[in-house]
């Protein structure tokens, strides 16, 4: 999608920020969000453009499962695997802001 910011980021044509990819393979990229809501707040993004969970097709099942596996691996790498959140919003009415499927991986909170 020409106007999709995540498609631009994964292709390397996106805005030049200090965003460093935490993880990348041929299908998925993980990078920090620009507006963190937790001590660690990363986005797990498929390179293929899928608008959201509501628009996924049966052939996307393997990729979405892999995204969850990658999130778990990244949580371990970031040392938040003892407690993290993984969520996605689907559609504007579901709170989705960027219309490219992505998971928010958040964690890093300390016990009080």
PDB file of N, CA and C in Angstrom:
ATOM      1  N   UNK A   1       0.854  -1.180   0.000  1.00  0.00           N
ATOM      2  CA  UNK A   1       0.000   0.000   0.000  1.00  0.00           C
ATOM      3  C   UNK A   1       0.899   1.242   0.000  1.00  0.00           C
ATOM      4  N   UNK A   2       0.689   2.093  -0.963  1.00  0.00           N
ATOM      5  CA  UNK A   2       1.545   3.272  -1.144  1.00  0.00           C
ATOM      6  C   UNK A   2       1.556   4.218   0.051  1.00  0.00           C
ATOM      7  N   UNK A   3       0.402   4.423   0.678  1.00  0.00           N
ATOM      8  CA  UNK A   3       0.315   5.421   1.747  1.00  0.00           C
ATOM      9  C   UNK A   3       0.413   4.819   3.149  1.00  0.00           C
ATOM     10  N   UNK A   4       0.734   3.540   3.259  1.00  0.00           N
ATOM     11  CA  UNK A   4       0.811   2.879   4.567  1.00  0.00           C
ATOM     12  C   UNK A   4       2.182   3.127   5.196  1.00  0.00           C
ATOM     13  N   UNK A   5       2.203   3.778   6.344  1.00  0.00           N
ATOM     14  CA  UNK A   5       3.458   4.112   7.012  1.00  0.00           C
ATOM     15  C   UNK A   5       4.237   2.863   7.412  1.00  0.00           C
ATOM     16  N   UNK A   6       3.545   1.797   7.837  1.00  0.00           N
ATOM     17  CA  UNK A   6       4.263   0.582   8.222  1.00  0.00           C
ATOM     18  C   UNK A   6       4.855  -0.112   7.005  1.00  0.00           C
ATOM     19  N   UNK A   7       4.163  -0.088   5.865  1.00  0.00           N
ATOM     20  CA  UNK A   7       4.741  -0.647   4.634  1.00  0.00           C
ATOM     21  C   UNK A   7       6.010   0.122   4.273  1.00  0.00           C
ATOM     22  N   UNK A   8       5.976   1.428   4.455  1.00  0.00           N
ATOM     23  CA  UNK A   8       7.159   2.246   4.166  1.00  0.00           C
ATOM     24  C   UNK A   8       8.296   1.935   5.133  1.00  0.00           C
ATOM     25  N   UNK A   9       7.980   1.768   6.400  1.00  0.00           N
ATOM     26  CA  UNK A   9       9.012   1.471   7.400  1.00  0.00           C
ATOM     27  C   UNK A   9       9.666   0.120   7.110  1.00  0.00           C
ATOM     28  N   UNK A  10       8.851  -0.915   6.842  1.00  0.00           N
ATOM     29  CA  UNK A  10       9.441  -2.241   6.623  1.00  0.00           C
ATOM     30  C   UNK A  10      10.221  -2.315   5.317  1.00  0.00           C
ATOM     31  N   UNK A  11       9.892  -1.465   4.345  1.00  0.00           N
ATOM     32  CA  UNK A  11      10.627  -1.458   3.077  1.00  0.00           C
ATOM     33  C   UNK A  11      11.868  -0.564   3.139  1.00  0.00           C
ATOM     34  N   UNK A  12      12.006   0.203   4.232  1.00  0.00           N
ATOM     35  CA  UNK A  12      13.143   1.099   4.367  1.00  0.00           C
ATOM     36  C   UNK A  12      12.899   2.478   3.785  1.00  0.00           C
ATOM     37  N   UNK A  13      11.690   2.717   3.278  1.00  0.00           N
ATOM     38  CA  UNK A  13      11.357   4.014   2.683  1.00  0.00           C
ATOM     39  C   UNK A  13      10.644   4.945   3.649  1.00  0.00           C
ATOM     40  N   UNK A  14      10.463   4.508   4.882  1.00  0.00           N
ATOM     41  CA  UNK A  14       9.721   5.296   5.860  1.00  0.00           C
ATOM     42  C   UNK A  14      10.528   6.461   6.378  1.00  0.00           C
ATOM     43  N   UNK A  15       9.931   7.231   7.273  1.00  0.00           N
ATOM     44  CA  UNK A  15      10.625   8.382   7.852  1.00  0.00           C
ATOM     45  C   UNK A  15      11.891   7.927   8.569  1.00  0.00           C
ATOM     46  N   UNK A  16      12.926   8.692   8.410  1.00  0.00           N
ATOM     47  CA  UNK A  16      14.196   8.369   9.065  1.00  0.00           C
ATOM     48  C   UNK A  16      14.127   8.840  10.510  1.00  0.00           C
ATOM     49  N   UNK A  17      14.013   7.886  11.407  1.00  0.00           N
ATOM     50  CA  UNK A  17      13.978   8.191  12.832  1.00  0.00           C
ATOM     51  C   UNK A  17      15.120   7.423  13.482  1.00  0.00           C
ATOM     52  N   UNK A  18      15.221   7.537  14.773  1.00  0.00           N
ATOM     53  CA  UNK A  18      16.250   6.773  15.474  1.00  0.00           C
ATOM     54  C   UNK A  18      15.739   5.379  15.834  1.00  0.00           C
ATOM     55  N   UNK A  19      14.678   4.948  15.170  1.00  0.00           N
ATOM     56  CA  UNK A  19      14.112   3.623  15.409  1.00  0.00           C
ATOM     57  C   UNK A  19      15.078   2.538  14.959  1.00  0.00           C
ATOM     58  N   UNK A  20      15.405   1.676  15.857  1.00  0.00           N
ATOM     59  CA  UNK A  20      16.271   0.550  15.552  1.00  0.00           C
ATOM     60  C   UNK A  20      15.421  -0.711  15.582  1.00  0.00           C
ATOM     61  N   UNK A  21      15.551  -1.543  14.582  1.00  0.00           N
ATOM     62  CA  UNK A  21      14.808  -2.796  14.580  1.00  0.00           C
ATOM     63  C   UNK A  21      15.378  -3.717  15.651  1.00  0.00           C
ATOM     64  N   UNK A  22      14.506  -4.187  16.507  1.00  0.00           N
ATOM     65  CA  UNK A  22      14.874  -5.108  17.574  1.00  0.00           C
ATOM     66  C   UNK A  22      14.997  -6.515  16.999  1.00  0.00           C
ATOM     67  N   UNK A  23      14.182  -6.777  15.963  1.00  0.00           N
ATOM     68  CA  UNK A  23      14.145  -8.093  15.321  1.00  0.00           C
ATOM     69  C   UNK A  23      13.704  -7.881  13.883  1.00  0.00           C
ATOM     70  N   UNK A  24      14.261  -8.691  12.979  1.00  0.00           N
ATOM     71  CA  UNK A  24      13.789  -8.664  11.603  1.00  0.00           C
ATOM     72  C   UNK A  24      14.132  -9.983  10.936  1.00  0.00           C
ATOM     73  N   UNK A  25      13.166 -10.510  10.182  1.00  0.00           N
ATOM     74  CA  UNK A  25      13.415 -11.646   9.312  1.00  0.00           C
ATOM     75  C   UNK A  25      12.689 -11.379   7.998  1.00  0.00           C
ATOM     76  N   UNK A  26      12.501 -12.386   7.181  1.00  0.00           N
ATOM     77  CA  UNK A  26      11.896 -12.169   5.870  1.00  0.00           C
ATOM     78  C   UNK A  26      10.411 -11.824   5.934  1.00  0.00           C
ATOM     79  N   UNK A  27       9.757 -12.043   7.086  1.00  0.00           N
ATOM     80  CA  UNK A  27       8.316 -11.819   7.186  1.00  0.00           C
ATOM     81  C   UNK A  27       7.881 -10.798   8.234  1.00  0.00           C
ATOM     82  N   UNK A  28       8.732 -10.549   9.216  1.00  0.00           N
ATOM     83  CA  UNK A  28       8.313  -9.764  10.392  1.00  0.00           C
ATOM     84  C   UNK A  28       9.417  -8.800  10.790  1.00  0.00           C
ATOM     85  N   UNK A  29       9.012  -7.639  11.279  1.00  0.00           N
ATOM     86  CA  UNK A  29       9.954  -6.685  11.846  1.00  0.00           C
ATOM     87  C   UNK A  29       9.391  -6.206  13.189  1.00  0.00           C
ATOM     88  N   UNK A  30      10.281  -5.962  14.150  1.00  0.00           N
ATOM     89  CA  UNK A  30       9.891  -5.467  15.477  1.00  0.00           C
ATOM     90  C   UNK A  30      10.722  -4.219  15.756  1.00  0.00           C
ATOM     91  N   UNK A  31      10.025  -3.142  16.134  1.00  0.00           N
ATOM     92  CA  UNK A  31      10.714  -1.881  16.429  1.00  0.00           C
ATOM     93  C   UNK A  31       9.951  -1.119  17.502  1.00  0.00           C
ATOM     94  N   UNK A  32      10.620  -0.172  18.176  1.00  0.00           N
ATOM     95  CA  UNK A  32       9.959   0.616  19.219  1.00  0.00           C
ATOM     96  C   UNK A  32       8.913   1.562  18.622  1.00  0.00           C
ATOM     97  N   UNK A  33       7.840   1.778  19.365  1.00  0.00           N
ATOM     98  CA  UNK A  33       6.844   2.755  18.951  1.00  0.00           C
ATOM     99  C   UNK A  33       7.355   4.164  19.247  1.00  0.00           C
ATOM    100  N   UNK A  34       6.812   5.131  18.548  1.00  0.00           N
ATOM    101  CA  UNK A  34       7.178   6.528  18.816  1.00  0.00           C
ATOM    102  C   UNK A  34       6.439   7.087  20.025  1.00  0.00           C
ATOM    103  N   UNK A  35       5.317   6.444  20.403  1.00  0.00           N
ATOM    104  CA  UNK A  35       4.527   6.910  21.550  1.00  0.00           C
ATOM    105  C   UNK A  35       4.363   5.784  22.566  1.00  0.00           C
ATOM    106  N   UNK A  36       5.413   5.500  23.339  1.00  0.00           N
ATOM    107  CA  UNK A  36       5.351   4.372  24.274  1.00  0.00           C
ATOM    108  C   UNK A  36       4.348   4.594  25.399  1.00  0.00           C
ATOM    109  N   UNK A  37       3.683   3.501  25.765  1.00  0.00           N
ATOM    110  CA  UNK A  37       2.724   3.515  26.866  1.00  0.00           C
ATOM    111  C   UNK A  37       3.190   2.603  28.013  1.00  0.00           C
ATOM    112  N   UNK A  38       4.444   2.167  27.925  1.00  0.00           N
ATOM    113  CA  UNK A  38       5.031   1.281  28.935  1.00  0.00           C
ATOM    114  C   UNK A  38       6.544   1.473  28.876  1.00  0.00           C
ATOM    115  N   UNK A  39       7.261   1.021  29.911  1.00  0.00           N
ATOM    116  CA  UNK A  39       8.722   1.139  29.870  1.00  0.00           C
ATOM    117  C   UNK A  39       9.321   0.519  28.600  1.00  0.00           C
ATOM    118  N   UNK A  40       8.783  -0.622  28.176  1.00  0.00           N
ATOM    119  CA  UNK A  40       9.148  -1.219  26.890  1.00  0.00           C
ATOM    120  C   UNK A  40       7.866  -1.331  26.087  1.00  0.00           C
ATOM    121  N   UNK A  41       7.857  -0.734  24.902  1.00  0.00           N
ATOM    122  CA  UNK A  41       6.666  -0.761  24.037  1.00  0.00           C
ATOM    123  C   UNK A  41       7.153  -0.911  22.605  1.00  0.00           C
ATOM    124  N   UNK A  42       6.991  -2.124  22.082  1.00  0.00           N
ATOM    125  CA  UNK A  42       7.457  -2.459  20.748  1.00  0.00           C
ATOM    126  C   UNK A  42       6.278  -2.803  19.844  1.00  0.00           C
ATOM    127  N   UNK A  43       6.475  -2.665  18.549  1.00  0.00           N
ATOM    128  CA  UNK A  43       5.476  -3.047  17.565  1.00  0.00           C
ATOM    129  C   UNK A  43       5.992  -4.249  16.793  1.00  0.00           C
ATOM    130  N   UNK A  44       5.163  -5.273  16.700  1.00  0.00           N
ATOM    131  CA  UNK A  44       5.475  -6.491  15.950  1.00  0.00           C
ATOM    132  C   UNK A  44       4.651  -6.407  14.671  1.00  0.00           C
ATOM    133  N   UNK A  45       5.328  -6.248  13.530  1.00  0.00           N
ATOM    134  CA  UNK A  45       4.659  -5.899  12.282  1.00  0.00           C
ATOM    135  C   UNK A  45       5.002  -6.902  11.179  1.00  0.00           C
ATOM    136  N   UNK A  46       3.985  -7.465  10.506  1.00  0.00           N
ATOM    137  CA  UNK A  46       4.298  -8.312   9.355  1.00  0.00           C
ATOM    138  C   UNK A  46       4.717  -7.434   8.179  1.00  0.00           C
ATOM    139  N   UNK A  47       5.639  -7.926   7.382  1.00  0.00           N
ATOM    140  CA  UNK A  47       6.049  -7.164   6.206  1.00  0.00           C
ATOM    141  C   UNK A  47       4.934  -7.141   5.157  1.00  0.00           C
ATOM    142  N   UNK A  48       4.162  -8.211   5.091  1.00  0.00           N
ATOM    143  CA  UNK A  48       3.023  -8.249   4.171  1.00  0.00           C
ATOM    144  C   UNK A  48       1.932  -7.328   4.699  1.00  0.00           C
ATOM    145  N   UNK A  49       1.283  -6.602   3.815  1.00  0.00           N
ATOM    146  CA  UNK A  49       0.216  -5.706   4.252  1.00  0.00           C
ATOM    147  C   UNK A  49      -1.075  -6.498   4.462  1.00  0.00           C
ATOM    148  N   UNK A  50      -1.452  -6.605   5.724  1.00  0.00           N
ATOM    149  CA  UNK A  50      -2.753  -7.142   6.130  1.00  0.00           C
ATOM    150  C   UNK A  50      -3.352  -6.021   6.948  1.00  0.00           C
ATOM    151  N   UNK A  51      -4.536  -5.566   6.605  1.00  0.00           N
ATOM    152  CA  UNK A  51      -5.077  -4.378   7.268  1.00  0.00           C
ATOM    153  C   UNK A  51      -5.278  -4.579   8.766  1.00  0.00           C
ATOM    154  N   UNK A  52      -5.890  -5.686   9.152  1.00  0.00           N
ATOM    155  CA  UNK A  52      -6.126  -5.968  10.568  1.00  0.00           C
ATOM    156  C   UNK A  52      -6.631  -7.401  10.713  1.00  0.00           C
ATOM    157  N   UNK A  53      -6.855  -7.836  11.938  1.00  0.00           N
ATOM    158  CA  UNK A  53      -7.319  -9.200  12.189  1.00  0.00           C
ATOM    159  C   UNK A  53      -8.660  -9.452  11.500  1.00  0.00           C
ATOM    160  N   UNK A  54      -9.498  -8.436  11.454  1.00  0.00           N
ATOM    161  CA  UNK A  54     -10.801  -8.579  10.796  1.00  0.00           C
ATOM    162  C   UNK A  54     -10.694  -8.797   9.295  1.00  0.00           C
ATOM    163  N   UNK A  55      -9.552  -8.472   8.715  1.00  0.00           N
ATOM    164  CA  UNK A  55      -9.356  -8.611   7.273  1.00  0.00           C
ATOM    165  C   UNK A  55      -8.441  -9.788   6.915  1.00  0.00           C
ATOM    166  N   UNK A  56      -7.986 -10.532   7.924  1.00  0.00           N
ATOM    167  CA  UNK A  56      -7.074 -11.634   7.634  1.00  0.00           C
ATOM    168  C   UNK A  56      -7.790 -12.747   6.884  1.00  0.00           C
ATOM    169  N   UNK A  57      -6.984 -13.518   6.150  1.00  0.00           N
ATOM    170  CA  UNK A  57      -7.497 -14.653   5.395  1.00  0.00           C
ATOM    171  C   UNK A  57      -6.936 -15.927   5.999  1.00  0.00           C
ATOM    172  N   UNK A  58      -7.500 -17.046   5.610  1.00  0.00           N
ATOM    173  CA  UNK A  58      -7.040 -18.322   6.151  1.00  0.00           C
ATOM    174  C   UNK A  58      -5.544 -18.529   5.916  1.00  0.00           C
ATOM    175  N   UNK A  59      -5.029 -18.059   4.783  1.00  0.00           N
ATOM    176  CA  UNK A  59      -3.599 -18.246   4.504  1.00  0.00           C
ATOM    177  C   UNK A  59      -2.704 -17.399   5.414  1.00  0.00           C
ATOM    178  N   UNK A  60      -3.280 -16.488   6.189  1.00  0.00           N
ATOM    179  CA  UNK A  60      -2.508 -15.651   7.118  1.00  0.00           C
ATOM    180  C   UNK A  60      -2.330 -16.295   8.495  1.00  0.00           C
ATOM    181  N   UNK A  61      -2.968 -17.430   8.728  1.00  0.00           N
ATOM    182  CA  UNK A  61      -2.928 -18.067  10.053  1.00  0.00           C
ATOM    183  C   UNK A  61      -1.491 -18.340  10.500  1.00  0.00           C
ATOM    184  N   UNK A  62      -0.680 -18.926   9.629  1.00  0.00           N
ATOM    185  CA  UNK A  62       0.696 -19.257   9.987  1.00  0.00           C
ATOM    186  C   UNK A  62       1.486 -18.000  10.355  1.00  0.00           C
ATOM    187  N   UNK A  63       1.322 -16.933   9.573  1.00  0.00           N
ATOM    188  CA  UNK A  63       2.048 -15.695   9.833  1.00  0.00           C
ATOM    189  C   UNK A  63       1.646 -15.084  11.176  1.00  0.00           C
ATOM    190  N   UNK A  64       0.354 -15.066  11.482  1.00  0.00           N
ATOM    191  CA  UNK A  64      -0.070 -14.497  12.760  1.00  0.00           C
ATOM    192  C   UNK A  64       0.438 -15.323  13.938  1.00  0.00           C
ATOM    193  N   UNK A  65       0.463 -16.644  13.785  1.00  0.00           N
ATOM    194  CA  UNK A  65       1.054 -17.490  14.827  1.00  0.00           C
ATOM    195  C   UNK A  65       2.537 -17.203  14.992  1.00  0.00           C
ATOM    196  N   UNK A  66       3.225 -17.003  13.872  1.00  0.00           N
ATOM    197  CA  UNK A  66       4.655 -16.686  13.927  1.00  0.00           C
ATOM    198  C   UNK A  66       4.875 -15.340  14.605  1.00  0.00           C
ATOM    199  N   UNK A  67       3.996 -14.371  14.364  1.00  0.00           N
ATOM    200  CA  UNK A  67       4.124 -13.062  15.017  1.00  0.00           C
ATOM    201  C   UNK A  67       4.065 -13.216  16.536  1.00  0.00           C
ATOM    202  N   UNK A  68       3.186 -14.084  17.022  1.00  0.00           N
ATOM    203  CA  UNK A  68       3.096 -14.301  18.462  1.00  0.00           C
ATOM    204  C   UNK A  68       4.357 -14.991  18.980  1.00  0.00           C
ATOM    205  N   UNK A  69       4.880 -15.931  18.214  1.00  0.00           N
ATOM    206  CA  UNK A  69       6.118 -16.605  18.617  1.00  0.00           C
ATOM    207  C   UNK A  69       7.278 -15.608  18.662  1.00  0.00           C
ATOM    208  N   UNK A  70       7.377 -14.753  17.640  1.00  0.00           N
ATOM    209  CA  UNK A  70       8.431 -13.731  17.610  1.00  0.00           C
ATOM    210  C   UNK A  70       8.283 -12.798  18.809  1.00  0.00           C
ATOM    211  N   UNK A  71       7.050 -12.407  19.136  1.00  0.00           N
ATOM    212  CA  UNK A  71       6.819 -11.533  20.294  1.00  0.00           C
ATOM    213  C   UNK A  71       7.338 -12.187  21.567  1.00  0.00           C
ATOM    214  N   UNK A  72       7.099 -13.467  21.714  1.00  0.00           N
ATOM    215  CA  UNK A  72       7.579 -14.182  22.895  1.00  0.00           C
ATOM    216  C   UNK A  72       9.106 -14.213  22.925  1.00  0.00           C
ATOM    217  N   UNK A  73       9.735 -14.440  21.780  1.00  0.00           N
ATOM    218  CA  UNK A  73      11.197 -14.458  21.690  1.00  0.00           C
ATOM    219  C   UNK A  73      11.787 -13.077  22.013  1.00  0.00           C
ATOM    220  N   UNK A  74      11.155 -12.033  21.491  1.00  0.00           N
ATOM    221  CA  UNK A  74      11.625 -10.665  21.750  1.00  0.00           C
ATOM    222  C   UNK A  74      11.438 -10.317  23.225  1.00  0.00           C
ATOM    223  N   UNK A  75      10.315 -10.746  23.817  1.00  0.00           N
ATOM    224  CA  UNK A  75      10.088 -10.508  25.247  1.00  0.00           C
ATOM    225  C   UNK A  75      11.209 -11.130  26.070  1.00  0.00           C
ATOM    226  N   UNK A  76      11.641 -12.313  25.687  1.00  0.00           N
ATOM    227  CA  UNK A  76      12.752 -12.961  26.387  1.00  0.00           C
ATOM    228  C   UNK A  76      14.044 -12.162  26.191  1.00  0.00           C
ATOM    229  N   UNK A  77      14.300 -11.737  24.959  1.00  0.00           N
ATOM    230  CA  UNK A  77      15.509 -10.952  24.664  1.00  0.00           C
ATOM    231  C   UNK A  77      15.530  -9.651  25.467  1.00  0.00           C
ATOM    232  N   UNK A  78      14.358  -9.018  25.625  1.00  0.00           N
ATOM    233  CA  UNK A  78      14.251  -7.749  26.336  1.00  0.00           C
ATOM    234  C   UNK A  78      14.127  -7.943  27.847  1.00  0.00           C
ATOM    235  N   UNK A  79      14.119  -9.204  28.281  1.00  0.00           N
ATOM    236  CA  UNK A  79      14.034  -9.571  29.698  1.00  0.00           C
ATOM    237  C   UNK A  79      12.722  -9.117  30.339  1.00  0.00           C
ATOM    238  N   UNK A  80      11.633  -9.255  29.573  1.00  0.00           N
ATOM    239  CA  UNK A  80      10.302  -8.958  30.113  1.00  0.00           C
ATOM    240  C   UNK A  80       9.397 -10.187  30.015  1.00  0.00           C
ATOM    241  N   UNK A  81       9.989 -11.358  29.783  1.00  0.00           N
ATOM    242  CA  UNK A  81       9.181 -12.557  29.597  1.00  0.00           C
ATOM    243  C   UNK A  81       8.513 -13.039  30.886  1.00  0.00           C
ATOM    244  N   UNK A  82       8.831 -12.409  32.015  1.00  0.00           N
ATOM    245  CA  UNK A  82       8.146 -12.756  33.260  1.00  0.00           C
ATOM    246  C   UNK A  82       6.802 -12.040  33.392  1.00  0.00           C
ATOM    247  N   UNK A  83       6.511 -11.119  32.476  1.00  0.00           N
ATOM    248  CA  UNK A  83       5.227 -10.425  32.479  1.00  0.00           C
ATOM    249  C   UNK A  83       5.164  -9.371  31.386  1.00  0.00           C
ATOM    250  N   UNK A  84       4.339  -9.606  30.394  1.00  0.00           N
ATOM    251  CA  UNK A  84       4.191  -8.642  29.297  1.00  0.00           C
ATOM    252  C   UNK A  84       2.776  -8.724  28.751  1.00  0.00           C
ATOM    253  N   UNK A  85       2.432  -7.741  27.949  1.00  0.00           N
ATOM    254  CA  UNK A  85       1.134  -7.734  27.268  1.00  0.00           C
ATOM    255  C   UNK A  85       1.382  -7.764  25.775  1.00  0.00           C
ATOM    256  N   UNK A  86       0.510  -8.474  25.065  1.00  0.00           N
ATOM    257  CA  UNK A  86       0.554  -8.523  23.612  1.00  0.00           C
ATOM    258  C   UNK A  86      -0.869  -8.301  23.138  1.00  0.00           C
ATOM    259  N   UNK A  87      -1.069  -7.197  22.401  1.00  0.00           N
ATOM    260  CA  UNK A  87      -2.438  -6.944  21.948  1.00  0.00           C
ATOM    261  C   UNK A  87      -2.445  -6.252  20.592  1.00  0.00           C
ATOM    262  N   UNK A  88      -3.603  -6.326  19.969  1.00  0.00           N
ATOM    263  CA  UNK A  88      -3.826  -5.642  18.706  1.00  0.00           C
ATOM    264  C   UNK A  88      -5.219  -5.035  18.715  1.00  0.00           C
ATOM    265  N   UNK A  89      -5.373  -3.989  17.960  1.00  0.00           N
ATOM    266  CA  UNK A  89      -6.681  -3.371  17.756  1.00  0.00           C
ATOM    267  C   UNK A  89      -7.086  -3.690  16.325  1.00  0.00           C
ATOM    268  N   UNK A  90      -8.382  -3.876  16.096  1.00  0.00           N
ATOM    269  CA  UNK A  90      -8.839  -4.234  14.755  1.00  0.00           C
ATOM    270  C   UNK A  90      -9.920  -3.274  14.291  1.00  0.00           C
ATOM    271  N   UNK A  91      -9.584  -2.437  13.324  1.00  0.00           N
ATOM    272  CA  UNK A  91     -10.532  -1.470  12.760  1.00  0.00           C
ATOM    273  C   UNK A  91     -10.594  -0.187  13.565  1.00  0.00           C
ATOM    274  N   UNK A  92     -11.050   0.858  12.906  1.00  0.00           N
ATOM    275  CA  UNK A  92     -11.142   2.168  13.585  1.00  0.00           C
ATOM    276  C   UNK A  92     -12.003   2.104  14.829  1.00  0.00           C
ATOM    277  N   UNK A  93     -13.121   1.383  14.770  1.00  0.00           N
ATOM    278  CA  UNK A  93     -13.990   1.286  15.944  1.00  0.00           C
ATOM    279  C   UNK A  93     -13.354   0.463  17.056  1.00  0.00           C
ATOM    280  N   UNK A  94     -12.335  -0.320  16.729  1.00  0.00           N
ATOM    281  CA  UNK A  94     -11.590  -1.092  17.721  1.00  0.00           C
ATOM    282  C   UNK A  94     -10.351  -0.361  18.221  1.00  0.00           C
ATOM    283  N   UNK A  95     -10.185   0.897  17.811  1.00  0.00           N
ATOM    284  CA  UNK A  95      -9.069   1.704  18.283  1.00  0.00           C
ATOM    285  C   UNK A  95      -7.816   1.632  17.425  1.00  0.00           C
ATOM    286  N   UNK A  96      -7.890   0.991  16.257  1.00  0.00           N
ATOM    287  CA  UNK A  96      -6.716   0.888  15.388  1.00  0.00           C
ATOM    288  C   UNK A  96      -6.439   2.231  14.736  1.00  0.00           C
ATOM    289  N   UNK A  97      -5.187   2.687  14.830  1.00  0.00           N
ATOM    290  CA  UNK A  97      -4.794   3.974  14.243  1.00  0.00           C
ATOM    291  C   UNK A  97      -4.055   3.811  12.924  1.00  0.00           C
ATOM    292  N   UNK A  98      -3.160   2.829  12.843  1.00  0.00           N
ATOM    293  CA  UNK A  98      -2.447   2.550  11.597  1.00  0.00           C
ATOM    294  C   UNK A  98      -3.091   1.306  10.991  1.00  0.00           C
ATOM    295  N   UNK A  99      -3.595   1.431   9.781  1.00  0.00           N
ATOM    296  CA  UNK A  99      -4.339   0.337   9.160  1.00  0.00           C
ATOM    297  C   UNK A  99      -3.408  -0.679   8.493  1.00  0.00           C
ATOM    298  N   UNK A 100      -2.528  -1.214   9.303  1.00  0.00           N
ATOM    299  CA  UNK A 100      -1.632  -2.309   8.936  1.00  0.00           C
ATOM    300  C   UNK A 100      -1.532  -3.140  10.208  1.00  0.00           C
ATOM    301  N   UNK A 101      -1.904  -4.405  10.126  1.00  0.00           N
ATOM    302  CA  UNK A 101      -1.897  -5.277  11.295  1.00  0.00           C
ATOM    303  C   UNK A 101      -0.589  -5.145  12.072  1.00  0.00           C
ATOM    304  N   UNK A 102      -0.683  -5.034  13.367  1.00  0.00           N
ATOM    305  CA  UNK A 102       0.497  -5.012  14.228  1.00  0.00           C
ATOM    306  C   UNK A 102       0.085  -5.357  15.643  1.00  0.00           C
ATOM    307  N   UNK A 103       1.010  -5.969  16.363  1.00  0.00           N
ATOM    308  CA  UNK A 103       0.816  -6.250  17.779  1.00  0.00           C
ATOM    309  C   UNK A 103       1.638  -5.253  18.581  1.00  0.00           C
ATOM    310  N   UNK A 104       1.086  -4.820  19.690  1.00  0.00           N
ATOM    311  CA  UNK A 104       1.816  -4.017  20.666  1.00  0.00           C
ATOM    312  C   UNK A 104       2.363  -4.996  21.711  1.00  0.00           C
ATOM    313  N   UNK A 105       3.667  -5.002  21.887  1.00  0.00           N
ATOM    314  CA  UNK A 105       4.320  -5.799  22.918  1.00  0.00           C
ATOM    315  C   UNK A 105       4.784  -4.817  23.984  1.00  0.00           C
ATOM    316  N   UNK A 106       4.155  -4.897  25.167  1.00  0.00           N
ATOM    317  CA  UNK A 106       4.475  -3.951  26.231  1.00  0.00           C
ATOM    318  C   UNK A 106       4.886  -4.704  27.502  1.00  0.00           C
ATOM    319  N   UNK A 107       5.792  -4.079  28.244  1.00  0.00           N
ATOM    320  CA  UNK A 107       6.238  -4.685  29.494  1.00  0.00           C
ATOM    321  C   UNK A 107       7.296  -3.817  30.139  1.00  0.00           C
ATOM    322  N   UNK A 108       7.988  -4.414  31.102  1.00  0.00           N
ATOM    323  CA  UNK A 108       9.051  -3.697  31.776  1.00  0.00           C
ATOM    324  C   UNK A 108       8.623  -3.020  33.062  1.00  0.00           C
ATOM    325  N   UNK A 109       7.407  -3.291  33.508  1.00  0.00           N
ATOM    326  CA  UNK A 109       6.955  -2.687  34.758  1.00  0.00           C
ATOM    327  C   UNK A 109       7.664  -3.358  35.930  1.00  0.00           C
ATOM    328  N   UNK A 110       7.865  -2.614  36.979  1.00  0.00           N
ATOM    329  CA  UNK A 110       8.519  -3.129  38.195  1.00  0.00           C
ATOM    330  C   UNK A 110       7.492  -3.394  39.266  1.00  0.00           C
ATOM    331  N   UNK A 111       7.751  -4.415  40.059  1.00  0.00           N
ATOM    332  CA  UNK A 111       6.874  -4.688  41.202  1.00  0.00           C
ATOM    333  C   UNK A 111       7.060  -3.614  42.244  1.00  0.00           C
ATOM    334  N   UNK A 112       5.966  -3.277  42.913  1.00  0.00           N
ATOM    335  CA  UNK A 112       6.083  -2.258  43.959  1.00  0.00           C
ATOM    336  C   UNK A 112       6.030  -2.868  45.340  1.00  0.00           C
TER     337      UNK A 112
END
